[in-house]
Amino acid sequence: MSSLAITRSAERQRLPVKLSQIDWTFCLLVAAIAGAGGLMLYSIGGGWAPWAWKHLALFAVCFILMIALAMVDVRIWFAAAYPTYAVGLLLLLAVAVVGHASLGAKRWLDIGHIRIQPSEIVKIGLVLALARFYHTLSAPKARLSWWLLVPLALIGAPVALVAHQPDLGTALLIAATGGVMMIMAGLSLRLVGAALVGMGAVLPAVFLFALKAYQRARLLTFLNPEADRSGAGYHIIQSKIALGSGGLLGKGFGLGSQSQLNFLPEKSTDFIFASLAEEFGFVGCVSILVLYAAVIFMALRMASLAHSHFARLAAAGVTVTFALCVLINGAMVMGLAPVVGVPMPLLSFGGTVMITMMIGFALVLSVRVHRYSEVSSGKGVLV
């Protein structure tokens, strides 16, 4: 390496230079979505308590954490990939043994006064683990080889544990993220097509024998919610009422009857987008979706700048997770998909979801800041 290259490399490691490389427009867009979430939580909660101040305070802490982690070199993220995945998997196993049960599901761990949802942590762990694995794999092997059993195992383990909780929505999200990452890594499209055909063939058996009774009811209700208006179809019917009553410009801030009068279930989490539609109408919904689209586009652009395969794939994987959350929640609220427990990222209230999503954005920003860092095909800097 020439002396000029060494000087430039040293210069890029200085903190002021790193801070200048952060995409602050991206950060502003993320803050705008979280701020809109705080505004909606203030409205539907009737004040700062019980959700709005917690949401905004946690976002402020997470924003600082995001900037701090963006300063971490991608080689350290590379070294931490498998340990992060392992910790997430161990926490999922702990949930199965000593997890906190609520509403018929065991999805949380109580650690002192803190409650965490390990399924959110494993999302980041899986993205990192798959990115590290494919970084060391040649293109022909990534396309079609026995080595594909490794990423399938990495994906299958958390999917099985999360589905057992049961949390079918998150399990499907993890599986979809893993599948898209395999495709981005170079998986043969013929194999993808064959897998989709095989999945279609086994779906009837899965529906009849693998799903629990309430999960089958949710799927059937999705097709005809009017068949059980006061039971399984209640959520989606109330959501559609909120969406439709908002009209073009909405009823106004704090004037949404569906959420203010508690007709809309899970109004602070899974169905907060319906609350926004009722109060700010079609224009408000489109505005938020434009912000989401901008964040996704900018994140993918940052991923494309990286010089290392690991960094590109990791940043793209985080972006895919974020995009799928937005897509699934939006489709669920509009009645285009069955009701599953996938919140709208940054907009919905939720501690673990917020923390893991912001850590994911920190990784994306780190990829931009350290886009010239070369990650070896061997070990990271910590192992």
Protein backbone atom coordinates (compact mmCIF):
# COMPACT_ATOMS: atom_id res chain seq x y z
CA MET A 1 0.00 0.00 0.00
CA SER A 2 1.36 3.42 -0.93
CA SER A 3 2.06 6.11 1.65
CA LEU A 4 -0.75 8.22 0.17
CA ALA A 5 -3.24 5.35 0.57
CA ILE A 6 -2.11 4.79 4.16
CA THR A 7 -2.53 8.50 4.92
CA ARG A 8 -6.03 8.51 3.42
CA SER A 9 -6.94 5.39 5.38
CA ALA A 10 -5.75 6.97 8.64
CA GLU A 11 -7.61 10.16 7.81
CA ARG A 12 -10.87 8.26 7.34
CA GLN A 13 -10.55 6.79 10.86
CA ARG A 14 -10.75 10.21 12.53
CA LEU A 15 -14.03 10.79 14.40
CA PRO A 16 -14.86 14.17 12.79
CA VAL A 17 -14.33 12.64 9.35
CA LYS A 18 -16.55 9.68 10.23
CA LEU A 19 -19.31 11.97 11.49
CA SER A 20 -19.16 13.94 8.26
CA GLN A 21 -19.70 10.70 6.31
CA ILE A 22 -23.02 9.94 8.02
CA ASP A 23 -26.06 10.51 5.81
CA TRP A 24 -27.85 13.04 8.00
CA THR A 25 -30.77 13.26 5.59
CA PHE A 26 -31.39 9.58 6.21
CA CYS A 27 -31.25 10.21 9.96
CA LEU A 28 -33.73 13.07 9.60
CA LEU A 29 -36.19 10.85 7.73
CA VAL A 30 -35.95 8.17 10.41
CA ALA A 31 -36.55 10.83 13.08
CA ALA A 32 -39.56 12.16 11.15
CA ILE A 33 -41.23 8.74 11.14
CA ALA A 34 -40.54 8.23 14.85
CA GLY A 35 -41.83 11.74 15.55
CA ALA A 36 -45.04 10.94 13.67
CA GLY A 37 -45.34 7.84 15.84
CA GLY A 38 -44.97 9.96 18.98
CA LEU A 39 -47.64 12.35 17.67
CA MET A 40 -50.09 9.50 17.06
CA LEU A 41 -49.36 7.91 20.44
CA TYR A 42 -50.03 11.27 22.11
CA SER A 43 -53.35 11.48 20.28
CA ILE A 44 -54.67 7.98 20.95
CA GLY A 45 -53.35 7.97 24.53
CA GLY A 46 -54.92 11.32 25.39
CA GLY A 47 -51.59 12.84 26.43
CA TRP A 48 -47.91 12.07 26.93
CA ALA A 49 -48.77 9.03 29.08
CA PRO A 50 -48.86 6.11 28.72
CA TRP A 51 -47.06 5.74 25.38
CA ALA A 52 -45.92 8.96 23.73
CA TRP A 53 -43.20 10.09 26.13
CA LYS A 54 -41.76 6.58 26.43
CA HIS A 55 -41.68 6.23 22.65
CA LEU A 56 -39.92 9.56 22.08
CA ALA A 57 -37.52 9.14 25.01
CA LEU A 58 -36.50 5.69 23.82
CA PHE A 59 -36.05 6.96 20.28
CA ALA A 60 -33.77 9.76 21.53
CA VAL A 61 -31.59 7.22 23.35
CA CYS A 62 -31.62 4.88 20.35
CA PHE A 63 -30.72 7.73 18.00
CA ILE A 64 -27.58 8.46 20.02
CA LEU A 65 -26.84 4.73 20.09
CA MET A 66 -27.30 4.55 16.31
CA ILE A 67 -24.79 7.33 15.70
CA ALA A 68 -22.30 5.76 18.14
CA LEU A 69 -22.57 2.31 16.50
CA ALA A 70 -22.24 3.90 13.06
CA MET A 71 -18.69 4.76 14.09
CA VAL A 72 -17.90 1.04 14.54
CA ASP A 73 -15.93 -0.43 11.64
CA VAL A 74 -17.73 -3.04 9.54
CA ARG A 75 -14.93 -5.50 10.35
CA ILE A 76 -16.12 -5.47 13.96
CA TRP A 77 -19.70 -6.05 12.84
CA PHE A 78 -18.30 -8.96 10.80
CA ALA A 79 -16.57 -10.43 13.86
CA ALA A 80 -19.71 -10.04 15.97
CA ALA A 81 -22.01 -11.71 13.41
CA TYR A 82 -22.03 -15.32 14.62
CA PRO A 83 -21.92 -14.41 18.35
CA THR A 84 -24.93 -12.09 17.89
CA TYR A 85 -26.86 -14.84 16.11
CA ALA A 86 -25.93 -17.35 18.83
CA VAL A 87 -27.07 -15.00 21.61
CA GLY A 88 -30.39 -14.43 19.82
CA LEU A 89 -30.91 -18.17 19.43
CA LEU A 90 -30.09 -18.82 23.10
CA LEU A 91 -32.58 -16.15 24.15
CA LEU A 92 -35.26 -17.80 22.00
CA LEU A 93 -34.52 -21.10 23.73
CA ALA A 94 -34.80 -19.31 27.08
CA VAL A 95 -38.22 -18.00 26.07
CA ALA A 96 -39.40 -21.56 25.45
CA VAL A 97 -38.32 -22.53 28.98
CA VAL A 98 -38.88 -19.50 31.23
CA GLY A 99 -40.53 -16.95 28.96
CA HIS A 100 -43.36 -14.64 29.99
CA ALA A 101 -46.75 -15.71 28.60
CA SER A 102 -49.40 -13.19 27.59
CA LEU A 103 -52.59 -13.54 25.51
CA GLY A 104 -51.84 -17.22 24.90
CA ALA A 105 -48.31 -16.68 23.57
CA LYS A 106 -44.88 -16.96 25.20
CA ARG A 107 -42.75 -14.36 23.40
CA TRP A 108 -41.00 -12.30 26.08
CA LEU A 109 -38.24 -12.62 28.65
CA ASP A 110 -38.35 -10.74 31.94
CA ILE A 111 -34.89 -9.63 33.04
CA GLY A 112 -35.39 -7.72 36.26
CA HIS A 113 -37.76 -4.85 35.42
CA ILE A 114 -36.96 -5.11 31.71
CA ARG A 115 -39.02 -7.17 29.27
CA ILE A 116 -37.39 -8.07 25.94
CA GLN A 117 -38.63 -9.89 22.85
CA PRO A 118 -35.79 -12.12 21.59
CA SER A 119 -37.45 -12.69 18.22
CA GLU A 120 -36.62 -9.06 17.39
CA ILE A 121 -32.97 -9.52 18.38
CA VAL A 122 -32.58 -12.62 16.24
CA LYS A 123 -33.68 -10.64 13.17
CA ILE A 124 -30.44 -8.65 13.29
CA GLY A 125 -28.43 -11.72 14.29
CA LEU A 126 -29.70 -13.68 11.28
CA VAL A 127 -28.91 -10.86 8.84
CA LEU A 128 -25.35 -10.60 10.19
CA ALA A 129 -24.82 -14.38 10.22
CA LEU A 130 -26.05 -14.86 6.64
CA ALA A 131 -23.99 -11.91 5.41
CA ARG A 132 -20.86 -13.33 7.05
CA PHE A 133 -21.49 -16.82 5.69
CA TYR A 134 -22.02 -15.64 2.11
CA HIS A 135 -19.00 -13.34 2.34
CA THR A 136 -16.78 -16.43 2.43
CA LEU A 137 -18.74 -18.40 -0.19
CA SER A 138 -17.90 -18.37 -3.89
CA ALA A 139 -20.57 -17.35 -6.42
CA PRO A 140 -21.04 -20.90 -7.86
CA LYS A 141 -21.52 -22.34 -4.37
CA ALA A 142 -23.97 -19.57 -3.46
CA ARG A 143 -25.94 -20.32 -6.63
CA LEU A 144 -26.47 -24.03 -6.07
CA SER A 145 -24.52 -26.43 -3.87
CA TRP A 146 -24.70 -28.50 -0.70
CA TRP A 147 -23.41 -25.44 1.13
CA LEU A 148 -26.95 -24.03 0.90
CA LEU A 149 -27.91 -26.34 3.76
CA VAL A 150 -25.98 -24.04 6.10
CA PRO A 151 -28.06 -20.87 5.48
CA LEU A 152 -31.21 -23.01 5.48
CA ALA A 153 -30.27 -24.23 8.96
CA LEU A 154 -29.43 -20.69 10.09
CA ILE A 155 -32.88 -19.56 8.95
CA GLY A 156 -34.82 -22.65 10.02
CA ALA A 157 -33.70 -22.70 13.68
CA PRO A 158 -35.12 -19.28 14.69
CA VAL A 159 -38.17 -19.73 12.46
CA ALA A 160 -39.06 -22.97 14.27
CA LEU A 161 -38.51 -21.46 17.72
CA VAL A 162 -40.52 -18.31 16.96
CA ALA A 163 -43.37 -20.29 15.37
CA HIS A 164 -43.49 -22.44 18.51
CA GLN A 165 -44.13 -19.39 20.75
CA PRO A 166 -46.50 -19.07 18.75
CA ASP A 167 -45.74 -15.99 16.63
CA LEU A 168 -46.46 -16.97 13.05
CA GLY A 169 -46.17 -13.44 11.68
CA THR A 170 -42.63 -12.89 12.97
CA ALA A 171 -41.63 -16.41 11.95
CA LEU A 172 -42.77 -15.74 8.38
CA LEU A 173 -40.96 -12.39 8.42
CA ILE A 174 -37.70 -14.03 9.50
CA ALA A 175 -38.11 -16.74 6.86
CA ALA A 176 -38.84 -14.16 4.15
CA THR A 177 -35.84 -12.03 5.13
CA GLY A 178 -33.57 -15.07 5.02
CA GLY A 179 -34.98 -16.17 1.67
CA VAL A 180 -34.51 -12.74 0.08
CA MET A 181 -30.94 -12.57 1.38
CA MET A 182 -30.21 -15.96 -0.20
CA ILE A 183 -31.55 -14.65 -3.52
CA MET A 184 -29.47 -11.45 -3.23
CA ALA A 185 -26.42 -13.60 -2.51
CA GLY A 186 -26.87 -15.36 -5.85
CA LEU A 187 -29.23 -18.30 -5.26
CA SER A 188 -30.33 -19.95 -8.51
CA LEU A 189 -33.73 -18.62 -9.57
CA ARG A 190 -34.64 -22.08 -10.86
CA LEU A 191 -34.18 -23.38 -7.33
CA VAL A 192 -36.29 -20.52 -5.99
CA GLY A 193 -39.06 -21.41 -8.40
CA ALA A 194 -38.90 -25.08 -7.45
CA ALA A 195 -39.03 -24.15 -3.75
CA LEU A 196 -42.11 -21.96 -4.30
CA VAL A 197 -43.87 -24.80 -6.12
CA GLY A 198 -42.97 -27.19 -3.30
CA MET A 199 -44.24 -24.76 -0.67
CA GLY A 200 -47.49 -24.41 -2.56
CA ALA A 201 -47.90 -28.19 -2.60
CA VAL A 202 -47.47 -28.56 1.17
CA LEU A 203 -49.54 -25.52 2.21
CA PRO A 204 -52.81 -27.49 2.58
CA ALA A 205 -51.11 -29.96 4.92
CA VAL A 206 -49.54 -27.12 6.91
CA PHE A 207 -52.92 -25.41 7.20
CA LEU A 208 -54.67 -28.56 8.40
CA PHE A 209 -52.07 -30.08 10.71
CA ALA A 210 -49.35 -27.56 11.62
CA LEU A 211 -51.37 -24.43 12.44
CA LYS A 212 -53.22 -23.94 15.68
CA ALA A 213 -56.99 -23.50 15.63
CA TYR A 214 -56.89 -19.72 16.15
CA GLN A 215 -54.29 -19.36 13.36
CA ARG A 216 -56.53 -21.25 10.95
CA ALA A 217 -59.41 -19.02 12.06
CA ARG A 218 -57.35 -15.91 11.28
CA LEU A 219 -56.62 -17.12 7.76
CA LEU A 220 -60.25 -18.02 7.09
CA THR A 221 -61.41 -14.73 8.58
CA PHE A 222 -59.02 -12.87 6.29
CA LEU A 223 -60.97 -14.28 3.34
CA ASN A 224 -64.36 -13.41 4.87
CA PRO A 225 -64.15 -11.20 8.00
CA GLU A 226 -67.90 -10.61 7.99
CA ALA A 227 -68.44 -14.26 8.96
CA ASP A 228 -67.32 -13.52 12.54
CA ARG A 229 -67.79 -9.79 13.11
CA SER A 230 -67.49 -9.91 16.91
CA GLY A 231 -64.79 -12.57 17.03
CA ALA A 232 -61.89 -13.31 14.71
CA GLY A 233 -63.05 -10.72 12.16
CA TYR A 234 -63.36 -7.87 14.67
CA HIS A 235 -59.82 -6.51 14.27
CA ILE A 236 -59.84 -6.15 10.52
CA ILE A 237 -63.41 -4.80 10.37
CA GLN A 238 -62.62 -2.03 12.87
CA SER A 239 -59.39 -1.28 11.02
CA LYS A 240 -61.24 -0.91 7.72
CA ILE A 241 -63.79 1.39 9.36
CA ALA A 242 -60.96 3.59 10.64
CA LEU A 243 -59.28 3.63 7.22
CA GLY A 244 -62.47 4.48 5.37
CA SER A 245 -63.76 7.10 7.80
CA GLY A 246 -60.56 9.14 7.47
CA GLY A 247 -61.36 10.06 3.89
CA LEU A 248 -58.96 12.32 2.04
CA LEU A 249 -57.77 14.63 4.83
CA GLY A 250 -58.88 12.78 7.98
CA LYS A 251 -61.04 13.77 10.92
CA GLY A 252 -58.29 15.79 12.55
CA PHE A 253 -55.71 15.32 15.28
CA GLY A 254 -57.23 13.65 18.34
CA LEU A 255 -60.64 13.26 16.68
CA GLY A 256 -60.48 9.65 15.50
CA SER A 257 -63.53 7.93 16.97
CA GLN A 258 -62.33 4.37 16.33
CA SER A 259 -59.16 4.85 18.37
CA GLN A 260 -60.37 7.47 20.86
CA LEU A 261 -63.39 5.35 21.83
CA ASN A 262 -61.31 2.14 21.89
CA PHE A 263 -63.14 0.36 19.10
CA LEU A 264 -59.82 -0.21 17.32
CA PRO A 265 -57.80 -3.00 19.01
CA GLU A 266 -54.03 -2.77 19.54
CA LYS A 267 -54.25 0.87 18.51
CA SER A 268 -50.78 1.74 19.83
CA THR A 269 -48.97 -1.18 18.19
CA ASP A 270 -50.22 -3.35 15.34
CA PHE A 271 -53.01 -0.99 14.18
CA ILE A 272 -51.46 2.43 14.71
CA PHE A 273 -51.42 2.96 10.93
CA ALA A 274 -55.24 2.69 10.95
CA SER A 275 -55.35 5.35 13.68
CA LEU A 276 -53.19 7.62 11.53
CA ALA A 277 -55.45 7.03 8.52
CA GLU A 278 -58.54 8.01 10.51
CA GLU A 279 -57.05 11.24 11.84
CA PHE A 280 -54.95 12.36 8.85
CA GLY A 281 -56.70 10.57 5.99
CA PHE A 282 -55.31 9.42 2.67
CA VAL A 283 -52.89 12.34 2.50
CA GLY A 284 -51.40 11.46 5.89
CA CYS A 285 -51.00 7.81 4.95
CA VAL A 286 -49.31 8.62 1.64
CA SER A 287 -46.98 11.07 3.39
CA ILE A 288 -45.81 8.43 5.86
CA LEU A 289 -45.41 5.83 3.13
CA VAL A 290 -43.30 8.27 1.11
CA LEU A 291 -41.03 8.68 4.14
CA TYR A 292 -40.74 4.89 4.45
CA ALA A 293 -39.97 4.56 0.74
CA ALA A 294 -37.29 7.23 1.00
CA VAL A 295 -35.64 5.47 3.95
CA ILE A 296 -35.66 2.14 2.07
CA PHE A 297 -34.25 3.70 -1.11
CA MET A 298 -31.48 5.54 0.73
CA ALA A 299 -30.56 2.46 2.76
CA LEU A 300 -30.25 0.34 -0.38
CA ARG A 301 -28.14 3.06 -1.99
CA MET A 302 -25.80 3.06 1.02
CA ALA A 303 -25.58 -0.73 0.82
CA SER A 304 -24.52 -0.49 -2.83
CA LEU A 305 -21.59 1.78 -1.94
CA ALA A 306 -19.77 -0.83 0.16
CA HIS A 307 -16.61 -2.44 -1.17
CA SER A 308 -17.07 -5.72 0.76
CA HIS A 309 -19.68 -8.37 0.04
CA PHE A 310 -20.43 -8.72 3.76
CA ALA A 311 -21.22 -5.02 4.16
CA ARG A 312 -23.41 -4.88 1.05
CA LEU A 313 -25.39 -7.96 2.03
CA ALA A 314 -25.74 -7.00 5.71
CA ALA A 315 -27.02 -3.49 4.94
CA ALA A 316 -29.37 -4.83 2.26
CA GLY A 317 -30.62 -7.50 4.68
CA VAL A 318 -31.49 -4.89 7.32
CA THR A 319 -33.29 -2.89 4.67
CA VAL A 320 -35.24 -5.95 3.53
CA THR A 321 -36.35 -6.62 7.12
CA PHE A 322 -37.52 -3.03 7.49
CA ALA A 323 -39.32 -3.04 4.13
CA LEU A 324 -41.09 -6.34 4.85
CA CYS A 325 -42.31 -5.01 8.22
CA VAL A 326 -43.82 -1.97 6.50
CA LEU A 327 -45.34 -4.10 3.73
CA ILE A 328 -46.82 -6.76 6.02
CA ASN A 329 -48.25 -4.32 8.56
CA GLY A 330 -49.71 -2.08 5.87
CA ALA A 331 -51.31 -5.04 4.07
CA MET A 332 -52.66 -6.39 7.36
CA VAL A 333 -54.25 -3.08 8.36
CA MET A 334 -55.88 -2.72 4.92
CA GLY A 335 -57.24 -6.26 4.94
CA LEU A 336 -54.91 -7.46 2.20
CA ALA A 337 -53.16 -9.95 4.49
CA PRO A 338 -54.15 -11.97 7.58
CA VAL A 339 -53.78 -10.27 10.97
CA VAL A 340 -50.32 -11.11 12.34
CA GLY A 341 -48.25 -9.55 15.10
CA VAL A 342 -45.95 -7.41 12.97
CA PRO A 343 -45.83 -3.74 14.08
CA MET A 344 -45.22 -0.74 11.84
CA PRO A 345 -41.52 0.05 12.46
CA LEU A 346 -40.73 3.36 14.22
CA LEU A 347 -44.41 4.30 14.19
CA SER A 348 -45.72 1.63 16.59
CA PHE A 349 -45.02 1.56 20.31
CA GLY A 350 -42.54 -1.14 21.32
CA GLY A 351 -39.19 -1.12 23.06
CA THR A 352 -37.33 -4.12 21.66
CA VAL A 353 -38.58 -3.44 18.14
CA MET A 354 -37.34 0.15 18.31
CA ILE A 355 -33.92 -0.82 19.69
CA THR A 356 -33.23 -3.57 17.16
CA MET A 357 -34.42 -1.49 14.21
CA MET A 358 -32.18 1.41 15.21
CA ILE A 359 -29.23 -0.97 15.63
CA GLY A 360 -29.99 -2.18 12.12
CA PHE A 361 -29.90 1.40 10.84
CA ALA A 362 -26.61 1.87 12.69
CA LEU A 363 -25.22 -1.01 10.65
CA VAL A 364 -26.45 0.61 7.43
CA LEU A 365 -24.82 3.91 8.39
CA SER A 366 -21.63 2.09 9.41
CA VAL A 367 -21.51 0.53 5.95
CA ARG A 368 -21.64 4.01 4.43
CA VAL A 369 -19.06 5.50 6.80
CA HIS A 370 -16.67 2.56 6.34
CA ARG A 371 -17.53 1.77 2.73
CA TYR A 372 -13.83 1.57 1.80
CA SER A 373 -13.04 -1.00 4.53
CA GLU A 374 -12.03 -4.36 3.13
CA VAL A 375 -13.27 -7.38 5.08
CA SER A 376 -11.07 -10.43 4.68
CA SER A 377 -12.61 -13.77 3.71
CA GLY A 378 -11.20 -15.23 6.89
CA LYS A 379 -11.55 -14.04 10.45
CA GLY A 380 -12.72 -10.68 11.73
CA VAL A 381 -10.68 -8.35 13.89
CA LEU A 382 -12.03 -9.81 17.14
CA VAL A 383 -11.61 -13.52 16.42
